[in-house]
Amino acid sequence: MLINISDQGSEPLYLQIVRQVSAQILTGSLPQGEMLPSIRELARRERISVITVQKAYEELTRQNLIVVRRAKGFFVADLTNRSKASLARSHCKDALEKPVRDSLSEGLDLDTILAIVKEIHDEANISPNQKESE
């Protein structure tokens, strides 16, 4: 499990862990049944507090992305592709709700918001080679 934690941004450290581990689970790069590092091991490796990792693991457990096996550790939950898609959709909706509501209250219409989302999508899908040639 690879994660990249930074204390430079505004996102809390535990949420960085949740977001990155969640993404790896939902994309399948962390397969079901895979054992995660122990709380202490991850805290030591990332040089962060045990409490921070514990909070992240609790949130991942609450989201049903990981499970605890007593005396064995934390494991990626067995999720169907449908469950993964549903969770990814839910995460997307949660992340977009406030910005969409704010944009609507600032006078943007749905077509403009959708055009902006498409623009962001298109920019995110440009390969590094395409960027260099522009």
N, C-alpha and C. Protein backbone atom coordinates (compact mmCIF):
# COMPACT_ATOMS: atom_id res chain seq x y z
N MET A 1 0.85 -1.17 0.00
CA MET A 1 0.00 0.00 0.00
C MET A 1 0.89 1.23 0.00
N LEU A 2 0.74 2.02 -1.03
CA LEU A 2 1.51 3.25 -1.13
C LEU A 2 0.61 4.44 -0.84
N ILE A 3 1.06 5.29 0.06
CA ILE A 3 0.35 6.53 0.32
C ILE A 3 1.36 7.65 0.40
N ASN A 4 0.90 8.84 0.09
CA ASN A 4 1.75 10.01 0.10
C ASN A 4 1.08 11.06 0.98
N ILE A 5 1.59 11.23 2.17
CA ILE A 5 1.00 12.14 3.14
C ILE A 5 1.83 13.41 3.21
N SER A 6 1.13 14.54 3.23
CA SER A 6 1.82 15.82 3.31
C SER A 6 1.14 16.70 4.36
N ASP A 7 1.95 17.34 5.18
CA ASP A 7 1.38 18.27 6.16
C ASP A 7 1.37 19.69 5.61
N GLN A 8 1.63 19.86 4.33
CA GLN A 8 1.68 21.18 3.71
C GLN A 8 0.29 21.71 3.33
N GLY A 9 -0.63 20.81 3.02
CA GLY A 9 -1.96 21.23 2.57
C GLY A 9 -2.92 21.45 3.72
N SER A 10 -4.17 21.75 3.35
CA SER A 10 -5.19 22.00 4.37
C SER A 10 -5.95 20.73 4.75
N GLU A 11 -5.80 19.66 3.97
CA GLU A 11 -6.53 18.43 4.26
C GLU A 11 -5.89 17.72 5.46
N PRO A 12 -6.69 17.38 6.47
CA PRO A 12 -6.14 16.67 7.63
C PRO A 12 -5.44 15.37 7.21
N LEU A 13 -4.41 15.01 7.96
CA LEU A 13 -3.62 13.82 7.63
C LEU A 13 -4.48 12.56 7.58
N TYR A 14 -5.38 12.40 8.54
CA TYR A 14 -6.18 11.17 8.55
C TYR A 14 -7.07 11.09 7.31
N LEU A 15 -7.56 12.25 6.83
CA LEU A 15 -8.40 12.24 5.63
C LEU A 15 -7.57 11.93 4.38
N GLN A 16 -6.30 12.33 4.38
CA GLN A 16 -5.43 11.97 3.27
C GLN A 16 -5.29 10.45 3.19
N ILE A 17 -5.13 9.82 4.36
CA ILE A 17 -5.03 8.35 4.40
C ILE A 17 -6.34 7.74 3.91
N VAL A 18 -7.45 8.22 4.43
CA VAL A 18 -8.76 7.69 4.04
C VAL A 18 -8.96 7.81 2.53
N ARG A 19 -8.69 8.99 1.99
CA ARG A 19 -8.90 9.23 0.55
C ARG A 19 -8.02 8.33 -0.29
N GLN A 20 -6.75 8.21 0.06
CA GLN A 20 -5.84 7.43 -0.76
C GLN A 20 -6.09 5.92 -0.65
N VAL A 21 -6.34 5.44 0.55
CA VAL A 21 -6.62 4.01 0.72
C VAL A 21 -7.95 3.67 0.05
N SER A 22 -8.93 4.53 0.23
CA SER A 22 -10.23 4.32 -0.40
C SER A 22 -10.09 4.22 -1.92
N ALA A 23 -9.34 5.14 -2.51
CA ALA A 23 -9.14 5.13 -3.96
C ALA A 23 -8.46 3.83 -4.41
N GLN A 24 -7.48 3.38 -3.65
CA GLN A 24 -6.78 2.14 -4.01
C GLN A 24 -7.71 0.92 -3.90
N ILE A 25 -8.59 0.94 -2.92
CA ILE A 25 -9.54 -0.17 -2.77
C ILE A 25 -10.55 -0.15 -3.91
N LEU A 26 -11.11 1.04 -4.19
CA LEU A 26 -12.16 1.14 -5.20
C LEU A 26 -11.66 0.88 -6.61
N THR A 27 -10.38 1.15 -6.88
CA THR A 27 -9.83 0.88 -8.20
C THR A 27 -9.27 -0.54 -8.32
N GLY A 28 -9.20 -1.24 -7.20
CA GLY A 28 -8.71 -2.61 -7.22
C GLY A 28 -7.21 -2.75 -7.05
N SER A 29 -6.48 -1.64 -6.89
CA SER A 29 -5.04 -1.76 -6.69
C SER A 29 -4.72 -2.31 -5.30
N LEU A 30 -5.67 -2.22 -4.39
CA LEU A 30 -5.60 -2.94 -3.11
C LEU A 30 -6.71 -3.98 -3.18
N PRO A 31 -6.37 -5.24 -3.45
CA PRO A 31 -7.40 -6.26 -3.65
C PRO A 31 -8.08 -6.68 -2.35
N GLN A 32 -9.29 -7.21 -2.50
CA GLN A 32 -10.02 -7.67 -1.32
C GLN A 32 -9.22 -8.74 -0.59
N GLY A 33 -9.29 -8.67 0.73
CA GLY A 33 -8.56 -9.61 1.57
C GLY A 33 -7.13 -9.21 1.86
N GLU A 34 -6.63 -8.19 1.18
CA GLU A 34 -5.25 -7.73 1.39
C GLU A 34 -5.10 -7.17 2.81
N MET A 35 -4.04 -7.57 3.47
CA MET A 35 -3.78 -7.08 4.82
C MET A 35 -3.14 -5.69 4.74
N LEU A 36 -3.65 -4.77 5.55
CA LEU A 36 -3.09 -3.43 5.62
C LEU A 36 -2.01 -3.38 6.69
N PRO A 37 -1.12 -2.40 6.62
CA PRO A 37 -0.13 -2.27 7.69
C PRO A 37 -0.83 -2.04 9.02
N SER A 38 -0.21 -2.48 10.09
CA SER A 38 -0.78 -2.21 11.41
C SER A 38 -0.79 -0.70 11.64
N ILE A 39 -1.58 -0.28 12.60
CA ILE A 39 -1.66 1.15 12.92
C ILE A 39 -0.27 1.68 13.29
N ARG A 40 0.42 0.96 14.15
CA ARG A 40 1.76 1.41 14.58
C ARG A 40 2.75 1.41 13.42
N GLU A 41 2.69 0.39 12.59
CA GLU A 41 3.62 0.30 11.46
C GLU A 41 3.42 1.46 10.49
N LEU A 42 2.15 1.76 10.16
CA LEU A 42 1.89 2.85 9.23
C LEU A 42 2.27 4.20 9.85
N ALA A 43 1.98 4.36 11.13
CA ALA A 43 2.35 5.61 11.82
C ALA A 43 3.87 5.80 11.80
N ARG A 44 4.60 4.73 12.07
CA ARG A 44 6.06 4.80 12.08
C ARG A 44 6.58 5.10 10.68
N ARG A 45 6.05 4.39 9.68
CA ARG A 45 6.51 4.55 8.30
C ARG A 45 6.27 5.96 7.77
N GLU A 46 5.12 6.53 8.12
CA GLU A 46 4.76 7.86 7.62
C GLU A 46 5.15 8.99 8.56
N ARG A 47 5.70 8.60 9.73
CA ARG A 47 6.12 9.58 10.74
C ARG A 47 4.96 10.47 11.18
N ILE A 48 3.85 9.81 11.51
CA ILE A 48 2.67 10.51 12.00
C ILE A 48 2.19 9.83 13.27
N SER A 49 1.23 10.43 13.91
CA SER A 49 0.70 9.91 15.17
C SER A 49 -0.09 8.62 14.97
N VAL A 50 0.02 7.74 15.95
CA VAL A 50 -0.77 6.51 15.97
C VAL A 50 -2.26 6.87 15.98
N ILE A 51 -2.61 7.93 16.68
CA ILE A 51 -4.01 8.37 16.77
C ILE A 51 -4.53 8.78 15.38
N THR A 52 -3.68 9.40 14.58
CA THR A 52 -4.08 9.81 13.23
C THR A 52 -4.41 8.58 12.38
N VAL A 53 -3.56 7.58 12.43
CA VAL A 53 -3.80 6.36 11.65
C VAL A 53 -5.03 5.63 12.19
N GLN A 54 -5.16 5.58 13.51
CA GLN A 54 -6.32 4.92 14.11
C GLN A 54 -7.61 5.59 13.65
N LYS A 55 -7.63 6.92 13.61
CA LYS A 55 -8.81 7.66 13.17
C LYS A 55 -9.12 7.35 11.71
N ALA A 56 -8.08 7.26 10.87
CA ALA A 56 -8.28 6.93 9.46
C ALA A 56 -8.84 5.52 9.30
N TYR A 57 -8.27 4.57 10.02
CA TYR A 57 -8.75 3.19 9.93
C TYR A 57 -10.18 3.06 10.44
N GLU A 58 -10.51 3.83 11.49
CA GLU A 58 -11.89 3.81 11.98
C GLU A 58 -12.85 4.32 10.92
N GLU A 59 -12.46 5.37 10.21
CA GLU A 59 -13.31 5.91 9.15
C GLU A 59 -13.44 4.92 7.99
N LEU A 60 -12.35 4.29 7.61
CA LEU A 60 -12.40 3.29 6.53
C LEU A 60 -13.27 2.10 6.94
N THR A 61 -13.23 1.74 8.22
CA THR A 61 -14.09 0.67 8.74
C THR A 61 -15.55 1.11 8.71
N ARG A 62 -15.80 2.35 9.12
CA ARG A 62 -17.16 2.89 9.11
C ARG A 62 -17.73 2.89 7.69
N GLN A 63 -16.88 3.15 6.71
CA GLN A 63 -17.32 3.15 5.30
C GLN A 63 -17.39 1.74 4.71
N ASN A 64 -17.11 0.74 5.53
CA ASN A 64 -17.13 -0.67 5.11
C ASN A 64 -16.11 -0.99 4.02
N LEU A 65 -15.01 -0.24 4.00
CA LEU A 65 -13.95 -0.50 3.03
C LEU A 65 -12.90 -1.46 3.60
N ILE A 66 -12.74 -1.45 4.92
CA ILE A 66 -11.82 -2.38 5.55
C ILE A 66 -12.54 -3.06 6.71
N VAL A 67 -12.02 -4.21 7.11
CA VAL A 67 -12.57 -4.94 8.24
C VAL A 67 -11.45 -5.27 9.21
N VAL A 68 -11.83 -5.42 10.47
CA VAL A 68 -10.87 -5.78 11.51
C VAL A 68 -11.08 -7.25 11.83
N ARG A 69 -10.00 -7.99 11.82
CA ARG A 69 -10.04 -9.39 12.27
C ARG A 69 -9.27 -9.43 13.57
N ARG A 70 -9.98 -9.72 14.64
CA ARG A 70 -9.40 -9.70 15.98
C ARG A 70 -8.10 -10.50 16.01
N ALA A 71 -7.08 -9.87 16.56
CA ALA A 71 -5.75 -10.45 16.75
C ALA A 71 -5.03 -10.73 15.44
N LYS A 72 -5.60 -10.29 14.32
CA LYS A 72 -4.92 -10.49 13.02
C LYS A 72 -4.60 -9.18 12.33
N GLY A 73 -5.48 -8.18 12.43
CA GLY A 73 -5.22 -6.90 11.82
C GLY A 73 -6.36 -6.38 10.97
N PHE A 74 -6.00 -5.46 10.08
CA PHE A 74 -6.97 -4.81 9.21
C PHE A 74 -6.81 -5.35 7.79
N PHE A 75 -7.95 -5.61 7.15
CA PHE A 75 -7.95 -6.20 5.82
C PHE A 75 -8.94 -5.45 4.92
N VAL A 76 -8.64 -5.44 3.63
CA VAL A 76 -9.57 -4.86 2.65
C VAL A 76 -10.82 -5.72 2.64
N ALA A 77 -11.97 -5.07 2.74
CA ALA A 77 -13.25 -5.77 2.78
C ALA A 77 -13.54 -6.43 1.42
N ASP A 78 -14.34 -7.47 1.47
CA ASP A 78 -14.80 -8.13 0.24
C ASP A 78 -15.94 -7.30 -0.34
N LEU A 79 -15.66 -6.61 -1.42
CA LEU A 79 -16.66 -5.74 -2.04
C LEU A 79 -16.92 -6.20 -3.47
N THR A 80 -18.17 -6.20 -3.84
CA THR A 80 -18.51 -6.50 -5.24
C THR A 80 -18.19 -5.28 -6.09
N ASN A 81 -18.09 -5.47 -7.38
CA ASN A 81 -17.87 -4.33 -8.29
C ASN A 81 -19.00 -3.32 -8.16
N ARG A 82 -20.23 -3.83 -7.94
CA ARG A 82 -21.38 -2.93 -7.77
C ARG A 82 -21.21 -2.09 -6.51
N SER A 83 -20.74 -2.72 -5.43
CA SER A 83 -20.51 -1.98 -4.18
C SER A 83 -19.43 -0.93 -4.37
N LYS A 84 -18.37 -1.29 -5.06
CA LYS A 84 -17.28 -0.34 -5.32
C LYS A 84 -17.80 0.86 -6.11
N ALA A 85 -18.59 0.58 -7.15
CA ALA A 85 -19.13 1.66 -7.98
C ALA A 85 -20.06 2.56 -7.16
N SER A 86 -20.86 1.94 -6.32
CA SER A 86 -21.78 2.71 -5.48
C SER A 86 -21.02 3.59 -4.49
N LEU A 87 -19.97 3.05 -3.88
CA LEU A 87 -19.17 3.84 -2.95
C LEU A 87 -18.45 4.98 -3.67
N ALA A 88 -17.90 4.71 -4.85
CA ALA A 88 -17.22 5.75 -5.62
C ALA A 88 -18.20 6.86 -5.98
N ARG A 89 -19.40 6.47 -6.38
CA ARG A 89 -20.43 7.46 -6.73
C ARG A 89 -20.79 8.30 -5.50
N SER A 90 -20.94 7.65 -4.37
CA SER A 90 -21.27 8.35 -3.13
C SER A 90 -20.17 9.34 -2.74
N HIS A 91 -18.91 8.91 -2.87
CA HIS A 91 -17.78 9.81 -2.56
C HIS A 91 -17.79 11.02 -3.49
N CYS A 92 -18.05 10.77 -4.77
CA CYS A 92 -18.08 11.85 -5.76
C CYS A 92 -19.19 12.84 -5.42
N LYS A 93 -20.37 12.31 -5.13
CA LYS A 93 -21.51 13.18 -4.79
C LYS A 93 -21.20 14.01 -3.56
N ASP A 94 -20.63 13.38 -2.53
CA ASP A 94 -20.28 14.11 -1.31
C ASP A 94 -19.29 15.24 -1.61
N ALA A 95 -18.31 14.94 -2.45
CA ALA A 95 -17.28 15.94 -2.76
C ALA A 95 -17.82 17.09 -3.61
N LEU A 96 -18.80 16.81 -4.47
CA LEU A 96 -19.31 17.83 -5.38
C LEU A 96 -20.48 18.63 -4.82
N GLU A 97 -21.12 18.12 -3.79
CA GLU A 97 -22.36 18.76 -3.32
C GLU A 97 -22.16 20.24 -2.96
N LYS A 98 -21.21 20.55 -2.12
CA LYS A 98 -21.02 21.94 -1.70
C LYS A 98 -20.61 22.84 -2.87
N PRO A 99 -19.61 22.44 -3.68
CA PRO A 99 -19.25 23.32 -4.80
C PRO A 99 -20.41 23.55 -5.80
N VAL A 100 -21.22 22.53 -6.04
CA VAL A 100 -22.34 22.71 -6.96
C VAL A 100 -23.37 23.66 -6.35
N ARG A 101 -23.70 23.44 -5.08
CA ARG A 101 -24.66 24.34 -4.41
C ARG A 101 -24.13 25.79 -4.39
N ASP A 102 -22.85 25.94 -4.10
CA ASP A 102 -22.24 27.28 -4.10
C ASP A 102 -22.31 27.91 -5.48
N SER A 103 -22.01 27.12 -6.52
CA SER A 103 -22.05 27.64 -7.89
C SER A 103 -23.47 28.06 -8.29
N LEU A 104 -24.45 27.26 -7.91
CA LEU A 104 -25.84 27.62 -8.19
C LEU A 104 -26.24 28.91 -7.47
N SER A 105 -25.80 29.04 -6.22
CA SER A 105 -26.14 30.26 -5.47
C SER A 105 -25.42 31.49 -6.01
N GLU A 106 -24.32 31.26 -6.75
CA GLU A 106 -23.59 32.37 -7.37
C GLU A 106 -24.11 32.69 -8.76
N GLY A 107 -25.17 32.00 -9.16
CA GLY A 107 -25.83 32.35 -10.42
C GLY A 107 -25.47 31.49 -11.62
N LEU A 108 -24.61 30.49 -11.45
CA LEU A 108 -24.29 29.62 -12.58
C LEU A 108 -25.46 28.66 -12.80
N ASP A 109 -25.72 28.35 -14.07
CA ASP A 109 -26.78 27.39 -14.36
C ASP A 109 -26.19 26.00 -14.53
N LEU A 110 -27.07 25.00 -14.60
CA LEU A 110 -26.63 23.61 -14.67
C LEU A 110 -25.74 23.36 -15.88
N ASP A 111 -26.10 23.91 -17.04
CA ASP A 111 -25.29 23.68 -18.24
C ASP A 111 -23.86 24.21 -18.07
N THR A 112 -23.72 25.35 -17.43
CA THR A 112 -22.38 25.92 -17.20
C THR A 112 -21.59 25.03 -16.23
N ILE A 113 -22.25 24.58 -15.16
CA ILE A 113 -21.58 23.71 -14.19
C ILE A 113 -21.15 22.41 -14.86
N LEU A 114 -22.03 21.83 -15.67
CA LEU A 114 -21.68 20.59 -16.38
C LEU A 114 -20.53 20.82 -17.35
N ALA A 115 -20.50 21.97 -18.01
CA ALA A 115 -19.39 22.28 -18.93
C ALA A 115 -18.07 22.38 -18.16
N ILE A 116 -18.13 22.96 -16.97
CA ILE A 116 -16.92 23.07 -16.14
C ILE A 116 -16.46 21.68 -15.71
N VAL A 117 -17.40 20.83 -15.30
CA VAL A 117 -17.05 19.47 -14.90
C VAL A 117 -16.43 18.73 -16.09
N LYS A 118 -17.00 18.90 -17.28
CA LYS A 118 -16.44 18.25 -18.47
C LYS A 118 -15.03 18.77 -18.76
N GLU A 119 -14.82 20.05 -18.59
CA GLU A 119 -13.50 20.64 -18.80
C GLU A 119 -12.48 20.04 -17.83
N ILE A 120 -12.87 19.91 -16.56
CA ILE A 120 -11.98 19.31 -15.56
C ILE A 120 -11.70 17.85 -15.93
N HIS A 121 -12.73 17.14 -16.34
CA HIS A 121 -12.58 15.74 -16.76
C HIS A 121 -11.60 15.63 -17.92
N ASP A 122 -11.79 16.49 -18.93
CA ASP A 122 -10.91 16.44 -20.10
C ASP A 122 -9.47 16.76 -19.75
N GLU A 123 -9.27 17.74 -18.86
CA GLU A 123 -7.91 18.09 -18.44
C GLU A 123 -7.27 16.95 -17.65
N ALA A 124 -8.06 16.25 -16.85
CA ALA A 124 -7.54 15.15 -16.05
C ALA A 124 -7.17 13.95 -16.91
N ASN A 125 -7.76 13.84 -18.08
CA ASN A 125 -7.51 12.70 -18.96
C ASN A 125 -6.47 12.97 -20.03
N ILE A 126 -5.80 14.11 -19.97
CA ILE A 126 -4.72 14.40 -20.91
C ILE A 126 -3.46 13.70 -20.42
N SER A 127 -2.89 12.88 -21.29
CA SER A 127 -1.66 12.18 -20.90
C SER A 127 -0.50 13.16 -20.85
N PRO A 128 0.57 12.83 -20.10
CA PRO A 128 1.74 13.72 -20.02
C PRO A 128 2.33 14.03 -21.39
N ASN A 129 2.31 13.07 -22.32
CA ASN A 129 2.85 13.30 -23.66
C ASN A 129 2.02 14.34 -24.41
N GLN A 130 0.69 14.33 -24.24
CA GLN A 130 -0.15 15.30 -24.88
C GLN A 130 0.11 16.70 -24.32
N LYS A 131 0.35 16.79 -23.02
CA LYS A 131 0.62 18.09 -22.39
C LYS A 131 1.89 18.70 -22.95
N GLU A 132 2.92 17.87 -23.16
CA GLU A 132 4.20 18.37 -23.66
C GLU A 132 4.07 18.90 -25.08
N SER A 133 3.19 18.32 -25.88
CA SER A 133 3.09 18.73 -27.27
C SER A 133 2.23 19.98 -27.45
N GLU A 134 1.56 20.42 -26.40
CA GLU A 134 0.69 21.62 -26.50
C GLU A 134 1.49 22.89 -26.42
